[in-house]
C-alpha atoms as a PDB file:
ATOM      1  CA  MET A   1      20.196  17.667   7.702  1.00  0.00           C
ATOM      2  CA  THR A   2      21.836  15.083   9.995  1.00  0.00           C
ATOM      3  CA  GLU A   3      22.820  11.627   8.874  1.00  0.00           C
ATOM      4  CA  GLU A   4      20.425  10.119  11.319  1.00  0.00           C
ATOM      5  CA  ILE A   5      17.444  12.229  10.081  1.00  0.00           C
ATOM      6  CA  ALA A   6      18.457  11.494   6.472  1.00  0.00           C
ATOM      7  CA  ALA A   7      18.284   7.752   7.225  1.00  0.00           C
ATOM      8  CA  LYS A   8      14.976   8.116   8.990  1.00  0.00           C
ATOM      9  CA  ASN A   9      13.597   9.747   5.837  1.00  0.00           C
ATOM     10  CA  ASN A  10      14.383   6.457   3.850  1.00  0.00           C
ATOM     11  CA  ARG A  11      12.605   3.967   6.072  1.00  0.00           C
ATOM     12  CA  LEU A  12       9.958   1.616   4.950  1.00  0.00           C
ATOM     13  CA  VAL A  13       7.024   0.440   6.976  1.00  0.00           C
ATOM     14  CA  TRP A  14       6.056  -3.030   6.000  1.00  0.00           C
ATOM     15  CA  ILE A  15       2.613  -4.214   7.266  1.00  0.00           C
ATOM     16  CA  ASP A  16       0.712  -7.448   6.708  1.00  0.00           C
ATOM     17  CA  LEU A  17      -2.825  -7.879   7.888  1.00  0.00           C
ATOM     18  CA  GLU A  18      -4.811 -11.138   8.275  1.00  0.00           C
ATOM     19  CA  MET A  19      -8.611 -10.547   8.048  1.00  0.00           C
ATOM     20  CA  THR A  20     -11.994 -12.408   7.996  1.00  0.00           C
ATOM     21  CA  GLY A  21     -12.562 -11.643   4.430  1.00  0.00           C
ATOM     22  CA  LEU A  22     -11.685  -8.942   1.703  1.00  0.00           C
ATOM     23  CA  ASP A  23     -14.585  -6.254   2.252  1.00  0.00           C
ATOM     24  CA  PRO A  24     -13.513  -3.599   4.848  1.00  0.00           C
ATOM     25  CA  ASP A  25     -17.055  -2.788   5.406  1.00  0.00           C
ATOM     26  CA  ASN A  26     -18.176  -6.381   6.477  1.00  0.00           C
ATOM     27  CA  HIS A  27     -14.951  -7.936   7.644  1.00  0.00           C
ATOM     28  CA  VAL A  28     -12.470  -7.250  10.297  1.00  0.00           C
ATOM     29  CA  ILE A  29      -8.659  -7.437  10.952  1.00  0.00           C
ATOM     30  CA  VAL A  30      -7.737 -10.441  13.096  1.00  0.00           C
ATOM     31  CA  GLU A  31      -3.848 -10.206  12.969  1.00  0.00           C
ATOM     32  CA  VAL A  32      -1.361  -7.265  12.446  1.00  0.00           C
ATOM     33  CA  ALA A  33       2.358  -7.618  11.774  1.00  0.00           C
ATOM     34  CA  ALA A  34       4.591  -4.767  11.160  1.00  0.00           C
ATOM     35  CA  LEU A  35       8.301  -4.205  10.577  1.00  0.00           C
ATOM     36  CA  VAL A  36      10.332  -1.220   9.611  1.00  0.00           C
ATOM     37  CA  THR A  37      13.371  -1.608   7.350  1.00  0.00           C
ATOM     38  CA  ASP A  38      16.068   0.962   6.448  1.00  0.00           C
ATOM     39  CA  ALA A  39      16.758   1.850   2.741  1.00  0.00           C
ATOM     40  CA  ASN A  40      18.837  -1.361   2.291  1.00  0.00           C
ATOM     41  CA  LEU A  41      16.144  -3.554   3.578  1.00  0.00           C
ATOM     42  CA  ASN A  42      17.732  -4.336   6.833  1.00  0.00           C
ATOM     43  CA  ILE A  43      15.104  -5.018   9.563  1.00  0.00           C
ATOM     44  CA  LEU A  44      15.137  -2.591  12.441  1.00  0.00           C
ATOM     45  CA  GLY A  45      14.071  -3.823  15.914  1.00  0.00           C
ATOM     46  CA  GLU A  46      11.599  -6.362  16.667  1.00  0.00           C
ATOM     47  CA  GLY A  47       8.531  -5.208  15.050  1.00  0.00           C
ATOM     48  CA  VAL A  48       4.918  -5.980  15.960  1.00  0.00           C
ATOM     49  CA  ASP A  49       3.038  -9.262  15.718  1.00  0.00           C
ATOM     50  CA  LEU A  50      -0.397  -9.223  17.335  1.00  0.00           C
ATOM     51  CA  VAL A  51      -3.568 -11.396  17.045  1.00  0.00           C
ATOM     52  CA  VAL A  52      -6.841  -9.191  17.381  1.00  0.00           C
ATOM     53  CA  HIS A  53      -9.857 -10.557  19.131  1.00  0.00           C
ATOM     54  CA  ALA A  54     -12.994 -10.963  16.946  1.00  0.00           C
ATOM     55  CA  THR A  55     -16.521 -11.870  18.112  1.00  0.00           C
ATOM     56  CA  GLU A  56     -18.150 -15.040  17.002  1.00  0.00           C
ATOM     57  CA  ASP A  57     -20.476 -12.985  14.942  1.00  0.00           C
ATOM     58  CA  GLU A  58     -17.538 -11.519  13.044  1.00  0.00           C
ATOM     59  CA  LEU A  59     -15.913 -14.799  12.701  1.00  0.00           C
ATOM     60  CA  SER A  60     -19.181 -16.336  11.314  1.00  0.00           C
ATOM     61  CA  ARG A  61     -18.861 -13.976   8.274  1.00  0.00           C
ATOM     62  CA  MET A  62     -15.660 -15.882   7.038  1.00  0.00           C
ATOM     63  CA  ASP A  63     -16.247 -17.856   3.928  1.00  0.00           C
ATOM     64  CA  ASP A  64     -15.228 -21.382   3.559  1.00  0.00           C
ATOM     65  CA  TYR A  65     -11.704 -20.771   2.061  1.00  0.00           C
ATOM     66  CA  VAL A  66     -10.807 -18.189   4.916  1.00  0.00           C
ATOM     67  CA  THR A  67     -12.354 -20.317   7.677  1.00  0.00           C
ATOM     68  CA  GLU A  68     -10.254 -23.493   6.713  1.00  0.00           C
ATOM     69  CA  MET A  69      -7.066 -21.206   6.257  1.00  0.00           C
ATOM     70  CA  HIS A  70      -7.380 -19.765   9.656  1.00  0.00           C
ATOM     71  CA  GLU A  71      -8.353 -22.954  11.384  1.00  0.00           C
ATOM     72  CA  THR A  72      -5.477 -24.828   9.718  1.00  0.00           C
ATOM     73  CA  ASN A  73      -2.773 -22.513  10.875  1.00  0.00           C
ATOM     74  CA  GLY A  74      -3.991 -22.039  14.240  1.00  0.00           C
ATOM     75  CA  LEU A  75      -5.141 -18.362  13.802  1.00  0.00           C
ATOM     76  CA  THR A  76      -8.752 -18.744  14.704  1.00  0.00           C
ATOM     77  CA  GLU A  77      -8.118 -20.380  18.163  1.00  0.00           C
ATOM     78  CA  ALA A  78      -5.688 -17.534  18.859  1.00  0.00           C
ATOM     79  CA  ILE A  79      -8.317 -14.960  17.852  1.00  0.00           C
ATOM     80  CA  ARG A  80     -10.790 -16.272  20.277  1.00  0.00           C
ATOM     81  CA  ALA A  81      -8.131 -16.287  23.057  1.00  0.00           C
ATOM     82  CA  SER A  82      -6.683 -12.891  22.257  1.00  0.00           C
ATOM     83  CA  THR A  83      -7.585  -9.910  24.506  1.00  0.00           C
ATOM     84  CA  VAL A  84      -5.928  -7.352  22.051  1.00  0.00           C
ATOM     85  CA  ASP A  85      -8.460  -5.036  20.472  1.00  0.00           C
ATOM     86  CA  ILE A  86      -7.775  -2.996  16.955  1.00  0.00           C
ATOM     87  CA  ARG A  87      -6.998   0.247  18.916  1.00  0.00           C
ATOM     88  CA  LYS A  88      -4.193  -1.574  20.869  1.00  0.00           C
ATOM     89  CA  ALA A  89      -2.853  -3.111  17.668  1.00  0.00           C
ATOM     90  CA  GLU A  90      -2.909   0.358  16.048  1.00  0.00           C
ATOM     91  CA  ASP A  91      -1.145   2.009  18.957  1.00  0.00           C
ATOM     92  CA  ALA A  92       1.733  -0.631  18.759  1.00  0.00           C
ATOM     93  CA  VAL A  93       2.256  -0.076  15.072  1.00  0.00           C
ATOM     94  CA  LEU A  94       2.354   3.785  15.622  1.00  0.00           C
ATOM     95  CA  ASP A  95       4.789   3.295  18.339  1.00  0.00           C
ATOM     96  CA  LEU A  96       6.990   1.301  16.019  1.00  0.00           C
ATOM     97  CA  ILE A  97       6.831   4.074  13.383  1.00  0.00           C
ATOM     98  CA  ALA A  98       7.638   6.807  16.078  1.00  0.00           C
ATOM     99  CA  GLN A  99      10.629   4.790  17.151  1.00  0.00           C
ATOM    100  CA  HIS A 100      12.195   4.382  13.750  1.00  0.00           C
ATOM    101  CA  CYS A 101      10.848   6.990  11.407  1.00  0.00           C
ATOM    102  CA  ASP A 102      10.725  10.786  10.885  1.00  0.00           C
ATOM    103  CA  PRO A 103       7.282  11.997  11.888  1.00  0.00           C
ATOM    104  CA  GLU A 104       7.716  14.950   9.619  1.00  0.00           C
ATOM    105  CA  HIS A 105       8.204  12.856   6.553  1.00  0.00           C
ATOM    106  CA  PRO A 106       5.910   9.920   6.554  1.00  0.00           C
ATOM    107  CA  ALA A 107       7.158   6.466   5.365  1.00  0.00           C
ATOM    108  CA  PRO A 108       5.675   4.680   2.489  1.00  0.00           C
ATOM    109  CA  LEU A 109       3.701   1.522   3.214  1.00  0.00           C
ATOM    110  CA  ALA A 110       5.331  -1.648   1.799  1.00  0.00           C
ATOM    111  CA  GLY A 111       4.322  -5.121   1.313  1.00  0.00           C
ATOM    112  CA  ASN A 112       2.911  -7.574  -1.243  1.00  0.00           C
ATOM    113  CA  SER A 113      -0.279  -6.959  -2.980  1.00  0.00           C
ATOM    114  CA  ILE A 114      -1.001  -4.110  -0.439  1.00  0.00           C
ATOM    115  CA  ALA A 115      -4.160  -2.289  -1.850  1.00  0.00           C
ATOM    116  CA  THR A 116      -6.368  -4.448   0.220  1.00  0.00           C
ATOM    117  CA  ASP A 117      -4.298  -4.025   3.560  1.00  0.00           C
ATOM    118  CA  ARG A 118      -4.267  -0.208   2.898  1.00  0.00           C
ATOM    119  CA  ALA A 119      -8.196  -0.188   2.401  1.00  0.00           C
ATOM    120  CA  PHE A 120      -8.479  -2.071   5.853  1.00  0.00           C
ATOM    121  CA  ILE A 121      -5.994   0.056   7.466  1.00  0.00           C
ATOM    122  CA  ARG A 122      -7.980   3.322   6.258  1.00  0.00           C
ATOM    123  CA  ALA A 123     -11.359   1.831   7.430  1.00  0.00           C
ATOM    124  CA  HIS A 124     -10.071   0.249  10.759  1.00  0.00           C
ATOM    125  CA  MET A 125      -6.961   2.061  11.726  1.00  0.00           C
ATOM    126  CA  PRO A 126      -7.440   5.678  10.492  1.00  0.00           C
ATOM    127  CA  ARG A 127      -4.620   7.121  12.707  1.00  0.00           C
ATOM    128  CA  LEU A 128      -2.101   4.711  11.196  1.00  0.00           C
ATOM    129  CA  ASP A 129      -3.323   5.480   7.691  1.00  0.00           C
ATOM    130  CA  ARG A 130      -2.588   9.299   8.274  1.00  0.00           C
ATOM    131  CA  ALA A 131       0.917   8.290   9.658  1.00  0.00           C
ATOM    132  CA  LEU A 132       1.766   6.638   6.304  1.00  0.00           C
ATOM    133  CA  HIS A 133       2.875   8.343   3.146  1.00  0.00           C
ATOM    134  CA  TYR A 134       0.245   8.216   0.361  1.00  0.00           C
ATOM    135  CA  ARG A 135       2.763   6.305  -1.674  1.00  0.00           C
ATOM    136  CA  MET A 136       3.083   2.607  -1.480  1.00  0.00           C
ATOM    137  CA  ILE A 137       5.845   0.187  -2.350  1.00  0.00           C
ATOM    138  CA  ASP A 138       4.109  -2.952  -3.700  1.00  0.00           C
ATOM    139  CA  VAL A 139       6.521  -5.885  -4.142  1.00  0.00           C
ATOM    140  CA  SER A 140       3.911  -7.808  -6.473  1.00  0.00           C
ATOM    141  CA  SER A 141       4.182  -4.725  -9.022  1.00  0.00           C
ATOM    142  CA  VAL A 142       8.175  -5.573  -9.060  1.00  0.00           C
ATOM    143  CA  LYS A 143       7.229  -9.255  -9.353  1.00  0.00           C
ATOM    144  CA  GLU A 144       4.890  -8.586 -12.499  1.00  0.00           C
ATOM    145  CA  LEU A 145       7.676  -6.463 -14.120  1.00  0.00           C
ATOM    146  CA  THR A 146      10.255  -9.121 -13.473  1.00  0.00           C
ATOM    147  CA  ARG A 147       8.056 -11.824 -14.967  1.00  0.00           C
ATOM    148  CA  ARG A 148       7.892  -9.804 -18.182  1.00  0.00           C
ATOM    149  CA  TRP A 149      11.315  -8.437 -18.390  1.00  0.00           C
ATOM    150  CA  PHE A 150      13.484 -10.818 -16.632  1.00  0.00           C
ATOM    151  CA  PRO A 151      11.822 -14.178 -16.702  1.00  0.00           C
ATOM    152  CA  ARG A 152      14.755 -16.243 -15.545  1.00  0.00           C
ATOM    153  CA  ALA A 153      15.037 -14.056 -12.448  1.00  0.00           C
ATOM    154  CA  TYR A 154      11.182 -14.501 -11.940  1.00  0.00           C
ATOM    155  CA  PHE A 155      11.396 -18.342 -12.022  1.00  0.00           C
ATOM    156  CA  ASN A 156      14.299 -18.527  -9.547  1.00  0.00           C
ATOM    157  CA  GLN A 157      12.878 -16.278  -6.879  1.00  0.00           C
ATOM    158  CA  PRO A 158      12.904 -17.658  -3.417  1.00  0.00           C
ATOM    159  CA  GLU A 159       9.873 -19.799  -2.802  1.00  0.00           C
ATOM    160  CA  LYS A 160       7.219 -18.738  -0.308  1.00  0.00           C
ATOM    161  CA  GLY A 161       5.797 -20.783   2.585  1.00  0.00           C
ATOM    162  CA  MET A 162       1.960 -21.217   2.930  1.00  0.00           C
ATOM    163  CA  ALA A 163       1.563 -20.351   6.494  1.00  0.00           C
ATOM    164  CA  HIS A 164      -0.673 -17.358   5.825  1.00  0.00           C
ATOM    165  CA  ARG A 165       0.338 -15.669   9.148  1.00  0.00           C
ATOM    166  CA  ALA A 166       1.096 -12.041   8.929  1.00  0.00           C
ATOM    167  CA  LEU A 167       4.669 -11.755  10.318  1.00  0.00           C
ATOM    168  CA  ALA A 168       6.005 -14.590   8.020  1.00  0.00           C
ATOM    169  CA  ASP A 169       4.395 -12.944   5.120  1.00  0.00           C
ATOM    170  CA  ILE A 170       6.205  -9.555   5.816  1.00  0.00           C
ATOM    171  CA  VAL A 171       9.525 -11.268   6.194  1.00  0.00           C
ATOM    172  CA  GLU A 172       9.081 -13.127   2.935  1.00  0.00           C
ATOM    173  CA  SER A 173       7.926 -10.020   1.103  1.00  0.00           C
ATOM    174  CA  ILE A 174      11.137  -8.230   2.477  1.00  0.00           C
ATOM    175  CA  ARG A 175      13.340 -11.147   1.273  1.00  0.00           C
ATOM    176  CA  GLU A 176      11.535 -11.098  -2.224  1.00  0.00           C
ATOM    177  CA  LEU A 177      12.337  -7.364  -2.749  1.00  0.00           C
ATOM    178  CA  ASP A 178      15.888  -7.976  -1.694  1.00  0.00           C
ATOM    179  CA  TYR A 179      16.147 -10.840  -4.153  1.00  0.00           C
ATOM    180  CA  TYR A 180      14.807  -8.576  -7.009  1.00  0.00           C
ATOM    181  CA  ARG A 181      17.288  -5.905  -5.960  1.00  0.00           C
ATOM    182  CA  ARG A 182      20.141  -8.215  -6.175  1.00  0.00           C
ATOM    183  CA  SER A 183      18.883  -9.910  -9.460  1.00  0.00           C
ATOM    184  CA  VAL A 184      17.138  -7.423 -11.608  1.00  0.00           C
ATOM    185  CA  PHE A 185      18.135  -3.874 -10.452  1.00  0.00           C
ATOM    186  CA  VAL A 186      21.277  -2.165 -11.429  1.00  0.00           C
ATOM    187  CA  PRO A 187      24.143  -3.273  -8.947  1.00  0.00           C
ATOM    188  CA  ALA A 188      24.858  -0.589  -6.084  1.00  0.00           C
ATOM    189  CA  PRO A 189      25.930   2.286  -6.452  1.00  0.00           C
ATOM    190  CA  GLY A 190      23.996   2.453  -9.683  1.00  0.00           C
ATOM    191  CA  PRO A 191      24.845   4.513 -12.740  1.00  0.00           C
ATOM    192  CA  ASP A 192      26.805   7.628 -12.705  1.00  0.00           C
ATOM    193  CA  SER A 193      25.306  10.883 -13.309  1.00  0.00           C
ATOM    194  CA  ASP A 194      26.278  10.972 -17.117  1.00  0.00           C
ATOM    195  CA  SER A 195      24.907   7.514 -17.677  1.00  0.00           C
ATOM    196  CA  ALA A 196      21.625   8.210 -15.851  1.00  0.00           C
ATOM    197  CA  ALA A 197      21.146  11.550 -17.876  1.00  0.00           C
ATOM    198  CA  ALA A 198      21.677   9.735 -21.100  1.00  0.00           C
ATOM    199  CA  SER A 199      19.055   7.003 -20.136  1.00  0.00           C
ATOM    200  CA  SER A 200      16.752   9.983 -19.212  1.00  0.00           C
ATOM    201  CA  ARG A 201      17.157  11.610 -22.726  1.00  0.00           C
ATOM    202  CA  GLU A 202      16.471   8.191 -24.375  1.00  0.00           C
ATOM    203  CA  ALA A 203      13.429   7.556 -22.535  1.00  0.00           C
ATOM    204  CA  VAL A 204      12.056  11.218 -23.166  1.00  0.00           C
ATOM    205  CA  GLU A 205      12.867  10.546 -26.919  1.00  0.00           C
ATOM    206  CA  ALA A 206      11.136   7.176 -26.956  1.00  0.00           C
ATOM    207  CA  PHE A 207       7.872   8.601 -25.713  1.00  0.00           C
ATOM    208  CA  ALA A 208       8.142  11.987 -27.097  1.00  0.00           C
ATOM    209  CA  ASP A 209       5.459  11.178 -29.947  1.00  0.00           C
ATOM    210  CA  HIS A 210       3.000  10.107 -27.348  1.00  0.00           C
ATOM    211  CA  LEU A 211       3.328  13.321 -25.294  1.00  0.00           C
ATOM    212  CA  LYS A 212       2.763  15.814 -27.904  1.00  0.00           C
END
């Protein structure tokens, strides 16, 4: 395996969506942003940042909270003006993945609280769903563990903006994971093999009674 192929096997595909609501059966995607990072969270290339057109009927299904949010940040106006449909947005993300990732080894989807994003991807962008690994890297899971195990690190995490626009949300998620990597994970290059093996034995012993 060449170094380039090995590097591509460790890429992460970061996607954030803005929708008209949280139900994939009744709401639609109105903004798609995607970035690819290497294993060290360095952003590769320019990424994708597209507003997707929606009909007035689709926009009318937004509740008051979503309506106010999208109007305040200018997204609603951009949605009405957009000529991009969901297929074109899906194609753009697939092109980004093809440029940076190994098609034989699908990359995990990464982001913050991404279960809903994945549900919309599965429902509205099925080709993209198939191009992604079934495993996901959810930064919010790391956040919750940090809150419980390393509260000082949790309370010092970088503050997030409140723009609720897809590309900004992605960059903030990457930055947040980078912060956790620096503050709560074992410093690079990590433990040596003997230390890792010892930790493995300790974990096995700690849970042995529960796995009989």
